[in-house]
Amino acid sequence: MEKVIFFSQITVSVLLVIAILLQNRGSGLSAVFGGGGNIYRTKRGLEKGLFSLTIILVILFVAIGIANLYIS
């Protein structure tokens, strides 16, 4: 049982890193030269789905970490 939780925590952590790195920050090279483009906009489509997936993965990571703490 401990090995299953250990491998699931590693898998969730790798997926979490990938989800965080895939998110678009919105500040590219144009911000360096003064064109910040500070426009308020809502998340739509893939960006919203990726944001929701990141939140779900964080909750799973914390829950698996707490379960790992109780089992150990």
N, C-alpha and C. Protein backbone atom coordinates (compact mmCIF):
# COMPACT_ATOMS: atom_id res chain seq x y z
N MET A 1 0.82 -1.19 0.00
CA MET A 1 0.00 0.00 0.00
C MET A 1 0.86 1.26 0.00
N GLU A 2 1.96 1.22 0.74
CA GLU A 2 2.83 2.38 0.81
C GLU A 2 3.46 2.68 -0.56
N LYS A 3 3.79 1.63 -1.30
CA LYS A 3 4.40 1.83 -2.62
C LYS A 3 3.41 2.46 -3.60
N VAL A 4 2.15 2.08 -3.50
CA VAL A 4 1.13 2.65 -4.39
C VAL A 4 0.98 4.14 -4.13
N ILE A 5 0.94 4.51 -2.86
CA ILE A 5 0.81 5.94 -2.52
C ILE A 5 2.07 6.69 -2.93
N PHE A 6 3.23 6.08 -2.73
CA PHE A 6 4.49 6.72 -3.11
C PHE A 6 4.54 6.98 -4.61
N PHE A 7 4.21 5.99 -5.42
CA PHE A 7 4.25 6.16 -6.87
C PHE A 7 3.16 7.11 -7.37
N SER A 8 2.00 7.08 -6.72
CA SER A 8 0.95 8.02 -7.12
C SER A 8 1.34 9.45 -6.78
N GLN A 9 2.04 9.67 -5.69
CA GLN A 9 2.49 11.02 -5.34
C GLN A 9 3.54 11.50 -6.33
N ILE A 10 4.42 10.64 -6.76
CA ILE A 10 5.41 11.02 -7.77
C ILE A 10 4.73 11.35 -9.09
N THR A 11 3.75 10.54 -9.47
CA THR A 11 3.03 10.78 -10.73
C THR A 11 2.27 12.10 -10.69
N VAL A 12 1.58 12.36 -9.59
CA VAL A 12 0.83 13.61 -9.47
C VAL A 12 1.78 14.81 -9.45
N SER A 13 2.93 14.66 -8.81
CA SER A 13 3.87 15.79 -8.76
C SER A 13 4.45 16.09 -10.15
N VAL A 14 4.73 15.06 -10.94
CA VAL A 14 5.22 15.30 -12.31
C VAL A 14 4.14 15.96 -13.16
N LEU A 15 2.90 15.49 -13.04
CA LEU A 15 1.80 16.10 -13.78
C LEU A 15 1.57 17.55 -13.34
N LEU A 16 1.75 17.82 -12.05
CA LEU A 16 1.59 19.18 -11.54
C LEU A 16 2.65 20.12 -12.09
N VAL A 17 3.88 19.66 -12.16
CA VAL A 17 4.95 20.48 -12.73
C VAL A 17 4.68 20.77 -14.20
N ILE A 18 4.23 19.77 -14.94
CA ILE A 18 3.92 19.96 -16.36
C ILE A 18 2.76 20.95 -16.52
N ALA A 19 1.73 20.82 -15.70
CA ALA A 19 0.58 21.73 -15.80
C ALA A 19 0.97 23.16 -15.47
N ILE A 20 1.84 23.35 -14.50
CA ILE A 20 2.28 24.71 -14.15
C ILE A 20 3.14 25.29 -15.26
N LEU A 21 4.01 24.49 -15.84
CA LEU A 21 4.88 25.01 -16.90
C LEU A 21 4.13 25.31 -18.19
N LEU A 22 3.01 24.65 -18.42
CA LEU A 22 2.24 24.88 -19.63
C LEU A 22 1.38 26.14 -19.58
N GLN A 23 1.20 26.69 -18.39
CA GLN A 23 0.34 27.87 -18.27
C GLN A 23 1.02 29.08 -18.86
N ASN A 24 0.22 29.88 -19.56
CA ASN A 24 0.73 31.10 -20.20
C ASN A 24 0.70 32.23 -19.20
N ARG A 25 1.83 32.88 -19.04
CA ARG A 25 1.92 33.97 -18.09
C ARG A 25 1.35 35.27 -18.63
N GLY A 26 1.45 35.50 -19.89
CA GLY A 26 0.93 36.71 -20.48
C GLY A 26 1.95 37.81 -20.60
N SER A 27 3.12 37.65 -20.01
CA SER A 27 4.14 38.68 -20.13
C SER A 27 5.31 38.10 -20.92
N GLY A 28 5.34 38.41 -22.17
CA GLY A 28 6.39 37.90 -23.03
C GLY A 28 7.47 38.93 -23.25
N LEU A 29 8.05 38.92 -24.42
CA LEU A 29 9.13 39.83 -24.75
C LEU A 29 8.65 41.27 -24.90
N SER A 30 7.37 41.45 -25.19
CA SER A 30 6.86 42.81 -25.35
C SER A 30 6.88 43.60 -24.05
N ALA A 31 6.79 42.93 -22.91
CA ALA A 31 6.83 43.61 -21.62
C ALA A 31 8.21 44.18 -21.33
N VAL A 32 9.25 43.60 -21.93
CA VAL A 32 10.61 44.08 -21.72
C VAL A 32 10.80 45.46 -22.34
N PHE A 33 10.17 45.70 -23.46
CA PHE A 33 10.34 46.94 -24.19
C PHE A 33 9.24 47.96 -23.90
N GLY A 34 8.47 47.76 -22.85
CA GLY A 34 7.49 48.75 -22.44
C GLY A 34 6.07 48.45 -22.88
N GLY A 35 5.85 47.53 -23.75
CA GLY A 35 4.50 47.19 -24.19
C GLY A 35 3.91 46.12 -23.32
N GLY A 36 3.51 46.48 -22.12
CA GLY A 36 3.03 45.49 -21.17
C GLY A 36 1.76 44.80 -21.60
N GLY A 37 0.87 45.53 -22.22
CA GLY A 37 -0.40 44.92 -22.64
C GLY A 37 -1.24 44.47 -21.48
N ASN A 38 -1.36 45.30 -20.47
CA ASN A 38 -2.12 44.93 -19.28
C ASN A 38 -3.61 45.05 -19.55
N ILE A 39 -4.18 44.02 -20.08
CA ILE A 39 -5.59 43.97 -20.41
C ILE A 39 -6.23 42.88 -19.56
N TYR A 40 -7.32 43.24 -18.89
CA TYR A 40 -8.04 42.25 -18.10
C TYR A 40 -8.85 41.37 -19.03
N ARG A 41 -8.67 40.08 -18.88
CA ARG A 41 -9.45 39.16 -19.69
C ARG A 41 -9.72 37.91 -18.87
N THR A 42 -10.77 37.21 -19.25
CA THR A 42 -11.13 35.99 -18.54
C THR A 42 -10.48 34.78 -19.21
N LYS A 43 -10.32 33.75 -18.42
CA LYS A 43 -9.76 32.51 -18.97
C LYS A 43 -10.85 31.79 -19.75
N ARG A 44 -10.49 31.29 -20.92
CA ARG A 44 -11.45 30.58 -21.76
C ARG A 44 -10.80 29.34 -22.35
N GLY A 45 -11.61 28.37 -22.63
CA GLY A 45 -11.17 27.19 -23.36
C GLY A 45 -10.10 26.39 -22.66
N LEU A 46 -9.02 26.15 -23.39
CA LEU A 46 -7.93 25.31 -22.88
C LEU A 46 -7.25 25.94 -21.67
N GLU A 47 -7.14 27.26 -21.67
CA GLU A 47 -6.50 27.95 -20.55
C GLU A 47 -7.29 27.74 -19.25
N LYS A 48 -8.61 27.80 -19.33
CA LYS A 48 -9.45 27.59 -18.16
C LYS A 48 -9.37 26.14 -17.69
N GLY A 49 -9.36 25.21 -18.65
CA GLY A 49 -9.25 23.80 -18.30
C GLY A 49 -7.93 23.47 -17.64
N LEU A 50 -6.86 24.06 -18.14
CA LEU A 50 -5.53 23.84 -17.57
C LEU A 50 -5.44 24.43 -16.16
N PHE A 51 -6.07 25.57 -15.96
CA PHE A 51 -6.10 26.20 -14.64
C PHE A 51 -6.86 25.32 -13.65
N SER A 52 -7.99 24.79 -14.07
CA SER A 52 -8.78 23.90 -13.20
C SER A 52 -8.03 22.61 -12.91
N LEU A 53 -7.37 22.06 -13.93
CA LEU A 53 -6.57 20.84 -13.74
C LEU A 53 -5.44 21.07 -12.74
N THR A 54 -4.83 22.24 -12.79
CA THR A 54 -3.75 22.56 -11.85
C THR A 54 -4.28 22.59 -10.41
N ILE A 55 -5.44 23.18 -10.21
CA ILE A 55 -6.03 23.23 -8.87
C ILE A 55 -6.36 21.82 -8.37
N ILE A 56 -6.92 20.99 -9.24
CA ILE A 56 -7.25 19.62 -8.86
C ILE A 56 -5.99 18.83 -8.52
N LEU A 57 -4.93 19.02 -9.31
CA LEU A 57 -3.67 18.30 -9.03
C LEU A 57 -3.05 18.75 -7.72
N VAL A 58 -3.16 20.03 -7.38
CA VAL A 58 -2.63 20.51 -6.10
C VAL A 58 -3.39 19.89 -4.94
N ILE A 59 -4.71 19.83 -5.06
CA ILE A 59 -5.52 19.21 -4.00
C ILE A 59 -5.18 17.74 -3.86
N LEU A 60 -5.03 17.02 -4.98
CA LEU A 60 -4.64 15.61 -4.94
C LEU A 60 -3.26 15.42 -4.31
N PHE A 61 -2.32 16.30 -4.66
CA PHE A 61 -0.97 16.20 -4.13
C PHE A 61 -0.97 16.36 -2.61
N VAL A 62 -1.71 17.33 -2.11
CA VAL A 62 -1.78 17.55 -0.67
C VAL A 62 -2.48 16.38 0.01
N ALA A 63 -3.56 15.87 -0.58
CA ALA A 63 -4.29 14.75 0.02
C ALA A 63 -3.44 13.49 0.06
N ILE A 64 -2.70 13.23 -1.00
CA ILE A 64 -1.82 12.06 -1.02
C ILE A 64 -0.68 12.22 -0.03
N GLY A 65 -0.18 13.45 0.11
CA GLY A 65 0.87 13.71 1.09
C GLY A 65 0.40 13.47 2.52
N ILE A 66 -0.83 13.90 2.81
CA ILE A 66 -1.38 13.66 4.16
C ILE A 66 -1.62 12.18 4.38
N ALA A 67 -2.12 11.47 3.36
CA ALA A 67 -2.33 10.03 3.47
C ALA A 67 -1.00 9.30 3.67
N ASN A 68 0.03 9.74 2.98
CA ASN A 68 1.35 9.16 3.13
C ASN A 68 1.89 9.39 4.53
N LEU A 69 1.59 10.55 5.10
CA LEU A 69 2.02 10.85 6.46
C LEU A 69 1.35 9.95 7.48
N TYR A 70 0.05 9.70 7.30
CA TYR A 70 -0.67 8.85 8.23
C TYR A 70 -0.28 7.38 8.12
N ILE A 71 0.02 6.93 6.91
CA ILE A 71 0.39 5.52 6.72
C ILE A 71 1.80 5.24 7.23
N SER A 72 2.68 6.21 7.04
CA SER A 72 4.07 5.99 7.49
C SER A 72 4.11 6.02 8.96
